[in-house]
Amino acid sequence: MKKRILIPAIAILLSAPIWAQNSHAISLTSNPVYHSNCTKCHGKTGEGRFMAGPSLVSGKATALSPDELRSIITKGKHHMPKFEGKLSAGEIGRLVDQIRSNAQQK
């Protein structure tokens, strides 16, 4: 009887980090602005793409201040294009809030 309870409990505990990562991804990918403008480089889940955009759910990205994130999205940086004039201030603000919420959830 104990084996039946133990196996599902272990499976749940081992999958908990996966759930945490997916909750970060959901906050970004539920935003249609992210889906339309960011997935090509940062991936559908925000975890980045090899030889493209970096992860937006990593510690490095979430450690940036809201002003730094807003500046990068607005003015671009390195290979990242600028979105000034393409996205409204509200759309950029929502992206910043969602990236920052990943830092608060960790």
PDB file of N, CA and C in Angstrom:
ATOM      1  N   MET A   1       0.814  -1.194   0.000  1.00  0.00           N
ATOM      2  CA  MET A   1       0.000   0.000   0.000  1.00  0.00           C
ATOM      3  C   MET A   1       0.857   1.258   0.000  1.00  0.00           C
ATOM      4  N   LYS A   2       1.927   1.275   0.745  1.00  0.00           N
ATOM      5  CA  LYS A   2       2.771   2.456   0.815  1.00  0.00           C
ATOM      6  C   LYS A   2       3.448   2.742  -0.516  1.00  0.00           C
ATOM      7  N   LYS A   3       3.750   1.728  -1.291  1.00  0.00           N
ATOM      8  CA  LYS A   3       4.398   1.927  -2.582  1.00  0.00           C
ATOM      9  C   LYS A   3       3.489   2.701  -3.517  1.00  0.00           C
ATOM     10  N   ARG A   4       2.203   2.453  -3.459  1.00  0.00           N
ATOM     11  CA  ARG A   4       1.258   3.150  -4.335  1.00  0.00           C
ATOM     12  C   ARG A   4       1.210   4.651  -4.036  1.00  0.00           C
ATOM     13  N   ILE A   5       1.349   5.021  -2.808  1.00  0.00           N
ATOM     14  CA  ILE A   5       1.334   6.424  -2.417  1.00  0.00           C
ATOM     15  C   ILE A   5       2.685   7.074  -2.691  1.00  0.00           C
ATOM     16  N   LEU A   6       3.755   6.349  -2.448  1.00  0.00           N
ATOM     17  CA  LEU A   6       5.099   6.886  -2.573  1.00  0.00           C
ATOM     18  C   LEU A   6       5.457   7.241  -4.011  1.00  0.00           C
ATOM     19  N   ILE A   7       5.119   6.400  -4.950  1.00  0.00           N
ATOM     20  CA  ILE A   7       5.489   6.639  -6.348  1.00  0.00           C
ATOM     21  C   ILE A   7       4.840   7.916  -6.884  1.00  0.00           C
ATOM     22  N   PRO A   8       3.523   8.129  -6.739  1.00  0.00           N
ATOM     23  CA  PRO A   8       2.951   9.400  -7.206  1.00  0.00           C
ATOM     24  C   PRO A   8       3.529  10.613  -6.477  1.00  0.00           C
ATOM     25  N   ALA A   9       3.816  10.464  -5.192  1.00  0.00           N
ATOM     26  CA  ALA A   9       4.381  11.584  -4.437  1.00  0.00           C
ATOM     27  C   ALA A   9       5.750  11.962  -4.972  1.00  0.00           C
ATOM     28  N   ILE A  10       6.574  10.979  -5.276  1.00  0.00           N
ATOM     29  CA  ILE A  10       7.900  11.251  -5.847  1.00  0.00           C
ATOM     30  C   ILE A  10       7.759  11.913  -7.211  1.00  0.00           C
ATOM     31  N   ALA A  11       6.850  11.421  -8.025  1.00  0.00           N
ATOM     32  CA  ALA A  11       6.641  12.006  -9.348  1.00  0.00           C
ATOM     33  C   ALA A  11       6.222  13.471  -9.242  1.00  0.00           C
ATOM     34  N   ILE A  12       5.378  13.788  -8.302  1.00  0.00           N
ATOM     35  CA  ILE A  12       4.930  15.171  -8.113  1.00  0.00           C
ATOM     36  C   ILE A  12       6.089  16.056  -7.671  1.00  0.00           C
ATOM     37  N   LEU A  13       6.874  15.579  -6.726  1.00  0.00           N
ATOM     38  CA  LEU A  13       8.006  16.366  -6.240  1.00  0.00           C
ATOM     39  C   LEU A  13       9.041  16.598  -7.328  1.00  0.00           C
ATOM     40  N   LEU A  14       9.303  15.597  -8.141  1.00  0.00           N
ATOM     41  CA  LEU A  14      10.297  15.752  -9.201  1.00  0.00           C
ATOM     42  C   LEU A  14       9.830  16.668 -10.314  1.00  0.00           C
ATOM     43  N   SER A  15       8.543  16.754 -10.532  1.00  0.00           N
ATOM     44  CA  SER A  15       8.037  17.603 -11.615  1.00  0.00           C
ATOM     45  C   SER A  15       7.764  19.028 -11.166  1.00  0.00           C
ATOM     46  N   ALA A  16       7.878  19.344  -9.895  1.00  0.00           N
ATOM     47  CA  ALA A  16       7.593  20.695  -9.396  1.00  0.00           C
ATOM     48  C   ALA A  16       8.416  21.764 -10.084  1.00  0.00           C
ATOM     49  N   PRO A  17       9.748  21.591 -10.296  1.00  0.00           N
ATOM     50  CA  PRO A  17      10.497  22.627 -11.007  1.00  0.00           C
ATOM     51  C   PRO A  17       9.989  22.858 -12.426  1.00  0.00           C
ATOM     52  N   ILE A  18       9.483  21.810 -13.057  1.00  0.00           N
ATOM     53  CA  ILE A  18       8.931  21.958 -14.406  1.00  0.00           C
ATOM     54  C   ILE A  18       7.693  22.839 -14.353  1.00  0.00           C
ATOM     55  N   TRP A  19       6.826  22.621 -13.363  1.00  0.00           N
ATOM     56  CA  TRP A  19       5.642  23.468 -13.230  1.00  0.00           C
ATOM     57  C   TRP A  19       6.036  24.911 -13.019  1.00  0.00           C
ATOM     58  N   ALA A  20       7.053  25.152 -12.217  1.00  0.00           N
ATOM     59  CA  ALA A  20       7.500  26.519 -11.944  1.00  0.00           C
ATOM     60  C   ALA A  20       7.970  27.190 -13.220  1.00  0.00           C
ATOM     61  N   GLN A  21       8.755  26.479 -14.027  1.00  0.00           N
ATOM     62  CA  GLN A  21       9.229  27.063 -15.286  1.00  0.00           C
ATOM     63  C   GLN A  21       8.049  27.368 -16.197  1.00  0.00           C
ATOM     64  N   ASN A  22       7.110  26.447 -16.298  1.00  0.00           N
ATOM     65  CA  ASN A  22       5.972  26.654 -17.179  1.00  0.00           C
ATOM     66  C   ASN A  22       5.121  27.824 -16.733  1.00  0.00           C
ATOM     67  N   SER A  23       5.008  28.075 -15.430  1.00  0.00           N
ATOM     68  CA  SER A  23       4.219  29.223 -14.979  1.00  0.00           C
ATOM     69  C   SER A  23       4.881  30.524 -15.409  1.00  0.00           C
ATOM     70  N   HIS A  24       6.222  30.558 -15.449  1.00  0.00           N
ATOM     71  CA  HIS A  24       6.923  31.745 -15.949  1.00  0.00           C
ATOM     72  C   HIS A  24       6.622  31.927 -17.437  1.00  0.00           C
ATOM     73  N   ALA A  25       6.692  30.843 -18.161  1.00  0.00           N
ATOM     74  CA  ALA A  25       6.460  30.915 -19.602  1.00  0.00           C
ATOM     75  C   ALA A  25       5.039  31.367 -19.894  1.00  0.00           C
ATOM     76  N   ILE A  26       4.075  30.880 -19.125  1.00  0.00           N
ATOM     77  CA  ILE A  26       2.680  31.230 -19.364  1.00  0.00           C
ATOM     78  C   ILE A  26       2.460  32.726 -19.225  1.00  0.00           C
ATOM     79  N   SER A  27       3.133  33.372 -18.266  1.00  0.00           N
ATOM     80  CA  SER A  27       2.925  34.802 -18.082  1.00  0.00           C
ATOM     81  C   SER A  27       3.358  35.587 -19.310  1.00  0.00           C
ATOM     82  N   LEU A  28       4.387  35.121 -19.997  1.00  0.00           N
ATOM     83  CA  LEU A  28       4.820  35.802 -21.223  1.00  0.00           C
ATOM     84  C   LEU A  28       3.968  35.403 -22.419  1.00  0.00           C
ATOM     85  N   THR A  29       3.792  34.105 -22.608  1.00  0.00           N
ATOM     86  CA  THR A  29       3.159  33.635 -23.833  1.00  0.00           C
ATOM     87  C   THR A  29       1.667  33.897 -23.875  1.00  0.00           C
ATOM     88  N   SER A  30       1.055  34.242 -22.738  1.00  0.00           N
ATOM     89  CA  SER A  30      -0.360  34.594 -22.766  1.00  0.00           C
ATOM     90  C   SER A  30      -0.573  35.994 -23.339  1.00  0.00           C
ATOM     91  N   ASN A  31       0.504  36.728 -23.527  1.00  0.00           N
ATOM     92  CA  ASN A  31       0.443  38.086 -24.052  1.00  0.00           C
ATOM     93  C   ASN A  31       0.556  38.037 -25.583  1.00  0.00           C
ATOM     94  N   PRO A  32      -0.467  38.470 -26.310  1.00  0.00           N
ATOM     95  CA  PRO A  32      -0.407  38.434 -27.775  1.00  0.00           C
ATOM     96  C   PRO A  32       0.713  39.311 -28.352  1.00  0.00           C
ATOM     97  N   VAL A  33       1.098  40.361 -27.651  1.00  0.00           N
ATOM     98  CA  VAL A  33       2.199  41.211 -28.117  1.00  0.00           C
ATOM     99  C   VAL A  33       3.496  40.406 -28.093  1.00  0.00           C
ATOM    100  N   TYR A  34       3.709  39.636 -27.024  1.00  0.00           N
ATOM    101  CA  TYR A  34       4.896  38.772 -26.949  1.00  0.00           C
ATOM    102  C   TYR A  34       4.852  37.758 -28.091  1.00  0.00           C
ATOM    103  N   HIS A  35       3.717  37.128 -28.270  1.00  0.00           N
ATOM    104  CA  HIS A  35       3.585  36.101 -29.301  1.00  0.00           C
ATOM    105  C   HIS A  35       3.888  36.664 -30.691  1.00  0.00           C
ATOM    106  N   SER A  36       3.410  37.848 -30.975  1.00  0.00           N
ATOM    107  CA  SER A  36       3.589  38.443 -32.305  1.00  0.00           C
ATOM    108  C   SER A  36       4.981  39.011 -32.548  1.00  0.00           C
ATOM    109  N   ASN A  37       5.650  39.488 -31.497  1.00  0.00           N
ATOM    110  CA  ASN A  37       6.895  40.228 -31.696  1.00  0.00           C
ATOM    111  C   ASN A  37       8.146  39.583 -31.111  1.00  0.00           C
ATOM    112  N   CYS A  38       8.006  38.665 -30.182  1.00  0.00           N
ATOM    113  CA  CYS A  38       9.175  38.197 -29.433  1.00  0.00           C
ATOM    114  C   CYS A  38       9.510  36.719 -29.614  1.00  0.00           C
ATOM    115  N   THR A  39       8.526  35.907 -29.973  1.00  0.00           N
ATOM    116  CA  THR A  39       8.753  34.463 -30.017  1.00  0.00           C
ATOM    117  C   THR A  39       9.787  34.048 -31.056  1.00  0.00           C
ATOM    118  N   LYS A  40       9.897  34.792 -32.129  1.00  0.00           N
ATOM    119  CA  LYS A  40      10.856  34.421 -33.180  1.00  0.00           C
ATOM    120  C   LYS A  40      12.270  34.302 -32.621  1.00  0.00           C
ATOM    121  N   CYS A  41      12.634  35.188 -31.717  1.00  0.00           N
ATOM    122  CA  CYS A  41      13.988  35.175 -31.155  1.00  0.00           C
ATOM    123  C   CYS A  41      14.060  34.567 -29.753  1.00  0.00           C
ATOM    124  N   HIS A  42      13.063  34.827 -28.921  1.00  0.00           N
ATOM    125  CA  HIS A  42      13.121  34.398 -27.535  1.00  0.00           C
ATOM    126  C   HIS A  42      12.385  33.094 -27.278  1.00  0.00           C
ATOM    127  N   GLY A  43      11.767  32.535 -28.305  1.00  0.00           N
ATOM    128  CA  GLY A  43      11.072  31.260 -28.181  1.00  0.00           C
ATOM    129  C   GLY A  43       9.673  31.400 -27.622  1.00  0.00           C
ATOM    130  N   LYS A  44       8.887  30.370 -27.836  1.00  0.00           N
ATOM    131  CA  LYS A  44       7.487  30.393 -27.402  1.00  0.00           C
ATOM    132  C   LYS A  44       7.337  30.469 -25.896  1.00  0.00           C
ATOM    133  N   THR A  45       8.319  29.936 -25.163  1.00  0.00           N
ATOM    134  CA  THR A  45       8.227  29.907 -23.708  1.00  0.00           C
ATOM    135  C   THR A  45       9.072  30.982 -23.044  1.00  0.00           C
ATOM    136  N   GLY A  46       9.793  31.771 -23.835  1.00  0.00           N
ATOM    137  CA  GLY A  46      10.646  32.816 -23.269  1.00  0.00           C
ATOM    138  C   GLY A  46      11.985  32.305 -22.783  1.00  0.00           C
ATOM    139  N   GLU A  47      12.268  31.043 -23.036  1.00  0.00           N
ATOM    140  CA  GLU A  47      13.516  30.443 -22.554  1.00  0.00           C
ATOM    141  C   GLU A  47      14.687  30.681 -23.500  1.00  0.00           C
ATOM    142  N   GLY A  48      14.465  31.451 -24.546  1.00  0.00           N
ATOM    143  CA  GLY A  48      15.540  31.771 -25.483  1.00  0.00           C
ATOM    144  C   GLY A  48      15.670  30.728 -26.578  1.00  0.00           C
ATOM    145  N   ARG A  49      16.441  31.075 -27.589  1.00  0.00           N
ATOM    146  CA  ARG A  49      16.682  30.159 -28.699  1.00  0.00           C
ATOM    147  C   ARG A  49      18.171  30.177 -28.995  1.00  0.00           C
ATOM    148  N   PHE A  50      18.699  29.036 -29.274  1.00  0.00           N
ATOM    149  CA  PHE A  50      20.119  28.912 -29.593  1.00  0.00           C
ATOM    150  C   PHE A  50      20.456  29.812 -30.768  1.00  0.00           C
ATOM    151  N   MET A  51      21.488  30.612 -30.607  1.00  0.00           N
ATOM    152  CA  MET A  51      21.974  31.540 -31.649  1.00  0.00           C
ATOM    153  C   MET A  51      20.921  32.602 -32.001  1.00  0.00           C
ATOM    154  N   ALA A  52      20.038  32.890 -31.071  1.00  0.00           N
ATOM    155  CA  ALA A  52      19.042  33.951 -31.295  1.00  0.00           C
ATOM    156  C   ALA A  52      18.922  34.745 -29.997  1.00  0.00           C
ATOM    157  N   GLY A  53      17.726  35.073 -29.599  1.00  0.00           N
ATOM    158  CA  GLY A  53      17.525  35.877 -28.407  1.00  0.00           C
ATOM    159  C   GLY A  53      17.768  35.098 -27.126  1.00  0.00           C
ATOM    160  N   PRO A  54      18.259  35.759 -26.091  1.00  0.00           N
ATOM    161  CA  PRO A  54      18.516  35.094 -24.813  1.00  0.00           C
ATOM    162  C   PRO A  54      17.219  34.785 -24.065  1.00  0.00           C
ATOM    163  N   SER A  55      17.335  33.997 -23.027  1.00  0.00           N
ATOM    164  CA  SER A  55      16.206  33.652 -22.173  1.00  0.00           C
ATOM    165  C   SER A  55      15.681  34.903 -21.461  1.00  0.00           C
ATOM    166  N   LEU A  56      14.370  34.991 -21.391  1.00  0.00           N
ATOM    167  CA  LEU A  56      13.736  36.078 -20.650  1.00  0.00           C
ATOM    168  C   LEU A  56      13.276  35.610 -19.275  1.00  0.00           C
ATOM    169  N   VAL A  57      13.478  34.336 -18.984  1.00  0.00           N
ATOM    170  CA  VAL A  57      13.102  33.796 -17.679  1.00  0.00           C
ATOM    171  C   VAL A  57      14.334  33.440 -16.848  1.00  0.00           C
ATOM    172  N   SER A  58      15.512  33.746 -17.370  1.00  0.00           N
ATOM    173  CA  SER A  58      16.750  33.453 -16.651  1.00  0.00           C
ATOM    174  C   SER A  58      17.004  34.503 -15.576  1.00  0.00           C
ATOM    175  N   GLY A  59      17.891  34.185 -14.683  1.00  0.00           N
ATOM    176  CA  GLY A  59      18.259  35.129 -13.630  1.00  0.00           C
ATOM    177  C   GLY A  59      18.854  36.406 -14.190  1.00  0.00           C
ATOM    178  N   LYS A  60      19.592  36.288 -15.282  1.00  0.00           N
ATOM    179  CA  LYS A  60      20.225  37.467 -15.887  1.00  0.00           C
ATOM    180  C   LYS A  60      19.172  38.458 -16.391  1.00  0.00           C
ATOM    181  N   ALA A  61      18.184  37.953 -17.078  1.00  0.00           N
ATOM    182  CA  ALA A  61      17.144  38.841 -17.618  1.00  0.00           C
ATOM    183  C   ALA A  61      16.263  39.402 -16.520  1.00  0.00           C
ATOM    184  N   THR A  62      15.901  38.565 -15.563  1.00  0.00           N
ATOM    185  CA  THR A  62      14.992  39.025 -14.523  1.00  0.00           C
ATOM    186  C   THR A  62      15.682  39.925 -13.503  1.00  0.00           C
ATOM    187  N   ALA A  63      17.018  39.949 -13.516  1.00  0.00           N
ATOM    188  CA  ALA A  63      17.760  40.826 -12.598  1.00  0.00           C
ATOM    189  C   ALA A  63      17.817  42.265 -13.099  1.00  0.00           C
ATOM    190  N   LEU A  64      17.484  42.480 -14.364  1.00  0.00           N
ATOM    191  CA  LEU A  64      17.497  43.836 -14.910  1.00  0.00           C
ATOM    192  C   LEU A  64      16.373  44.656 -14.289  1.00  0.00           C
ATOM    193  N   SER A  65      16.637  45.921 -14.102  1.00  0.00           N
ATOM    194  CA  SER A  65      15.607  46.806 -13.546  1.00  0.00           C
ATOM    195  C   SER A  65      14.524  47.064 -14.598  1.00  0.00           C
ATOM    196  N   PRO A  66      13.354  47.495 -14.180  1.00  0.00           N
ATOM    197  CA  PRO A  66      12.306  47.830 -15.144  1.00  0.00           C
ATOM    198  C   PRO A  66      12.767  48.876 -16.164  1.00  0.00           C
ATOM    199  N   ASP A  67      13.537  49.866 -15.717  1.00  0.00           N
ATOM    200  CA  ASP A  67      14.020  50.893 -16.642  1.00  0.00           C
ATOM    201  C   ASP A  67      14.987  50.309 -17.672  1.00  0.00           C
ATOM    202  N   GLU A  68      15.856  49.386 -17.233  1.00  0.00           N
ATOM    203  CA  GLU A  68      16.790  48.751 -18.168  1.00  0.00           C
ATOM    204  C   GLU A  68      16.036  47.914 -19.201  1.00  0.00           C
ATOM    205  N   LEU A  69      15.061  47.141 -18.753  1.00  0.00           N
ATOM    206  CA  LEU A  69      14.262  46.334 -19.678  1.00  0.00           C
ATOM    207  C   LEU A  69      13.503  47.222 -20.657  1.00  0.00           C
ATOM    208  N   ARG A  70      12.891  48.279 -20.144  1.00  0.00           N
ATOM    209  CA  ARG A  70      12.132  49.200 -21.002  1.00  0.00           C
ATOM    210  C   ARG A  70      13.045  49.819 -22.060  1.00  0.00           C
ATOM    211  N   SER A  71      14.261  50.185 -21.664  1.00  0.00           N
ATOM    212  CA  SER A  71      15.221  50.779 -22.586  1.00  0.00           C
ATOM    213  C   SER A  71      15.638  49.782 -23.667  1.00  0.00           C
ATOM    214  N   ILE A  72      15.895  48.534 -23.271  1.00  0.00           N
ATOM    215  CA  ILE A  72      16.304  47.519 -24.248  1.00  0.00           C
ATOM    216  C   ILE A  72      15.188  47.260 -25.252  1.00  0.00           C
ATOM    217  N   ILE A  73      13.958  47.143 -24.769  1.00  0.00           N
ATOM    218  CA  ILE A  73      12.837  46.893 -25.680  1.00  0.00           C
ATOM    219  C   ILE A  73      12.609  48.102 -26.581  1.00  0.00           C
ATOM    220  N   THR A  74      12.680  49.288 -26.031  1.00  0.00           N
ATOM    221  CA  THR A  74      12.408  50.504 -26.798  1.00  0.00           C
ATOM    222  C   THR A  74      13.515  50.820 -27.802  1.00  0.00           C
ATOM    223  N   LYS A  75      14.771  50.804 -27.344  1.00  0.00           N
ATOM    224  CA  LYS A  75      15.896  51.245 -28.176  1.00  0.00           C
ATOM    225  C   LYS A  75      16.668  50.114 -28.845  1.00  0.00           C
ATOM    226  N   GLY A  76      16.425  48.874 -28.413  1.00  0.00           N
ATOM    227  CA  GLY A  76      17.170  47.740 -28.934  1.00  0.00           C
ATOM    228  C   GLY A  76      18.540  47.633 -28.281  1.00  0.00           C
ATOM    229  N   LYS A  77      19.197  46.511 -28.513  1.00  0.00           N
ATOM    230  CA  LYS A  77      20.532  46.296 -27.955  1.00  0.00           C
ATOM    231  C   LYS A  77      21.163  45.129 -28.708  1.00  0.00           C
ATOM    232  N   HIS A  78      22.377  45.335 -29.165  1.00  0.00           N
ATOM    233  CA  HIS A  78      23.087  44.323 -29.955  1.00  0.00           C
ATOM    234  C   HIS A  78      22.206  43.889 -31.131  1.00  0.00           C
ATOM    235  N   HIS A  79      21.806  42.640 -31.169  1.00  0.00           N
ATOM    236  CA  HIS A  79      20.988  42.148 -32.296  1.00  0.00           C
ATOM    237  C   HIS A  79      19.493  42.383 -32.102  1.00  0.00           C
ATOM    238  N   MET A  80      19.124  42.825 -30.922  1.00  0.00           N
ATOM    239  CA  MET A  80      17.704  43.066 -30.664  1.00  0.00           C
ATOM    240  C   MET A  80      17.277  44.361 -31.348  1.00  0.00           C
ATOM    241  N   PRO A  81      16.222  44.283 -32.171  1.00  0.00           N
ATOM    242  CA  PRO A  81      15.748  45.505 -32.835  1.00  0.00           C
ATOM    243  C   PRO A  81      15.025  46.419 -31.853  1.00  0.00           C
ATOM    244  N   LYS A  82      14.919  47.671 -32.209  1.00  0.00           N
ATOM    245  CA  LYS A  82      14.166  48.602 -31.366  1.00  0.00           C
ATOM    246  C   LYS A  82      12.680  48.478 -31.697  1.00  0.00           C
ATOM    247  N   PHE A  83      11.871  48.622 -30.673  1.00  0.00           N
ATOM    248  CA  PHE A  83      10.426  48.535 -30.849  1.00  0.00           C
ATOM    249  C   PHE A  83       9.735  49.871 -30.616  1.00  0.00           C
ATOM    250  N   GLU A  84      10.527  50.924 -30.497  1.00  0.00           N
ATOM    251  CA  GLU A  84       9.965  52.269 -30.380  1.00  0.00           C
ATOM    252  C   GLU A  84       9.189  52.572 -31.658  1.00  0.00           C
ATOM    253  N   GLY A  85       7.962  53.002 -31.518  1.00  0.00           N
ATOM    254  CA  GLY A  85       7.127  53.286 -32.671  1.00  0.00           C
ATOM    255  C   GLY A  85       6.375  52.070 -33.185  1.00  0.00           C
ATOM    256  N   LYS A  86       6.813  50.868 -32.795  1.00  0.00           N
ATOM    257  CA  LYS A  86       6.122  49.641 -33.205  1.00  0.00           C
ATOM    258  C   LYS A  86       5.177  49.161 -32.107  1.00  0.00           C
ATOM    259  N   LEU A  87       5.583  49.376 -30.854  1.00  0.00           N
ATOM    260  CA  LEU A  87       4.762  49.009 -29.707  1.00  0.00           C
ATOM    261  C   LEU A  87       4.447  50.260 -28.899  1.00  0.00           C
ATOM    262  N   SER A  88       3.278  50.288 -28.314  1.00  0.00           N
ATOM    263  CA  SER A  88       2.910  51.434 -27.471  1.00  0.00           C
ATOM    264  C   SER A  88       3.644  51.339 -26.135  1.00  0.00           C
ATOM    265  N   ALA A  89       3.657  52.432 -25.405  1.00  0.00           N
ATOM    266  CA  ALA A  89       4.281  52.453 -24.078  1.00  0.00           C
ATOM    267  C   ALA A  89       3.601  51.442 -23.158  1.00  0.00           C
ATOM    268  N   GLY A  90       2.301  51.288 -23.291  1.00  0.00           N
ATOM    269  CA  GLY A  90       1.558  50.318 -22.483  1.00  0.00           C
ATOM    270  C   GLY A  90       1.945  48.880 -22.802  1.00  0.00           C
ATOM    271  N   GLU A  91       2.115  48.583 -24.094  1.00  0.00           N
ATOM    272  CA  GLU A  91       2.520  47.233 -24.495  1.00  0.00           C
ATOM    273  C   GLU A  91       3.921  46.906 -23.982  1.00  0.00           C
ATOM    274  N   ILE A  92       4.823  47.872 -24.094  1.00  0.00           N
ATOM    275  CA  ILE A  92       6.189  47.683 -23.583  1.00  0.00           C
ATOM    276  C   ILE A  92       6.148  47.523 -22.068  1.00  0.00           C
ATOM    277  N   GLY A  93       5.355  48.327 -21.395  1.00  0.00           N
ATOM    278  CA  GLY A  93       5.223  48.229 -19.948  1.00  0.00           C
ATOM    279  C   GLY A  93       4.716  46.873 -19.496  1.00  0.00           C
ATOM    280  N   ARG A  94       3.776  46.330 -20.232  1.00  0.00           N
ATOM    281  CA  ARG A  94       3.245  44.998 -19.884  1.00  0.00           C
ATOM    282  C   ARG A  94       4.313  43.927 -20.059  1.00  0.00           C
ATOM    283  N   LEU A  95       5.099  44.010 -21.128  1.00  0.00           N
ATOM    284  CA  LEU A  95       6.198  43.058 -21.318  1.00  0.00           C
ATOM    285  C   LEU A  95       7.201  43.157 -20.175  1.00  0.00           C
ATOM    286  N   VAL A  96       7.547  44.367 -19.802  1.00  0.00           N
ATOM    287  CA  VAL A  96       8.488  44.590 -18.694  1.00  0.00           C
ATOM    288  C   VAL A  96       7.921  43.980 -17.412  1.00  0.00           C
ATOM    289  N   ASP A  97       6.656  44.240 -17.128  1.00  0.00           N
ATOM    290  CA  ASP A  97       6.028  43.708 -15.917  1.00  0.00           C
ATOM    291  C   ASP A  97       6.051  42.182 -15.915  1.00  0.00           C
ATOM    292  N   GLN A  98       5.798  41.585 -17.068  1.00  0.00           N
ATOM    293  CA  GLN A  98       5.775  40.127 -17.136  1.00  0.00           C
ATOM    294  C   GLN A  98       7.174  39.532 -16.962  1.00  0.00           C
ATOM    295  N   ILE A  99       8.183  40.141 -17.541  1.00  0.00           N
ATOM    296  CA  ILE A  99       9.546  39.657 -17.366  1.00  0.00           C
ATOM    297  C   ILE A  99       9.943  39.805 -15.913  1.00  0.00           C
ATOM    298  N   ARG A 100       9.637  40.931 -15.308  1.00  0.00           N
ATOM    299  CA  ARG A 100       9.967  41.175 -13.903  1.00  0.00           C
ATOM    300  C   ARG A 100       9.186  40.232 -12.971  1.00  0.00           C
ATOM    301  N   SER A 101       7.974  39.869 -13.339  1.00  0.00           N
ATOM    302  CA  SER A 101       7.206  38.953 -12.486  1.00  0.00           C
ATOM    303  C   SER A 101       7.887  37.595 -12.396  1.00  0.00           C
ATOM    304  N   ASN A 102       8.642  37.234 -13.410  1.00  0.00           N
ATOM    305  CA  ASN A 102       9.402  35.985 -13.359  1.00  0.00           C
ATOM    306  C   ASN A 102      10.441  36.031 -12.253  1.00  0.00           C
ATOM    307  N   ALA A 103      11.020  37.189 -12.026  1.00  0.00           N
ATOM    308  CA  ALA A 103      12.046  37.340 -10.971  1.00  0.00           C
ATOM    309  C   ALA A 103      11.376  37.223  -9.599  1.00  0.00           C
ATOM    310  N   GLN A 104      10.186  37.749  -9.454  1.00  0.00           N
ATOM    311  CA  GLN A 104       9.499  37.731  -8.172  1.00  0.00           C
ATOM    312  C   GLN A 104       9.000  36.332  -7.827  1.00  0.00           C
ATOM    313  N   GLN A 105       8.736  35.496  -8.843  1.00  0.00           N
ATOM    314  CA  GLN A 105       8.238  34.151  -8.608  1.00  0.00           C
ATOM    315  C   GLN A 105       9.336  33.174  -8.235  1.00  0.00           C
ATOM    316  N   LYS A 106      10.592  33.499  -8.509  1.00  0.00           N
ATOM    317  CA  LYS A 106      11.693  32.579  -8.250  1.00  0.00           C
ATOM    318  C   LYS A 106      12.045  32.543  -6.788  1.00  0.00           C
TER     319      LYS A 106
END
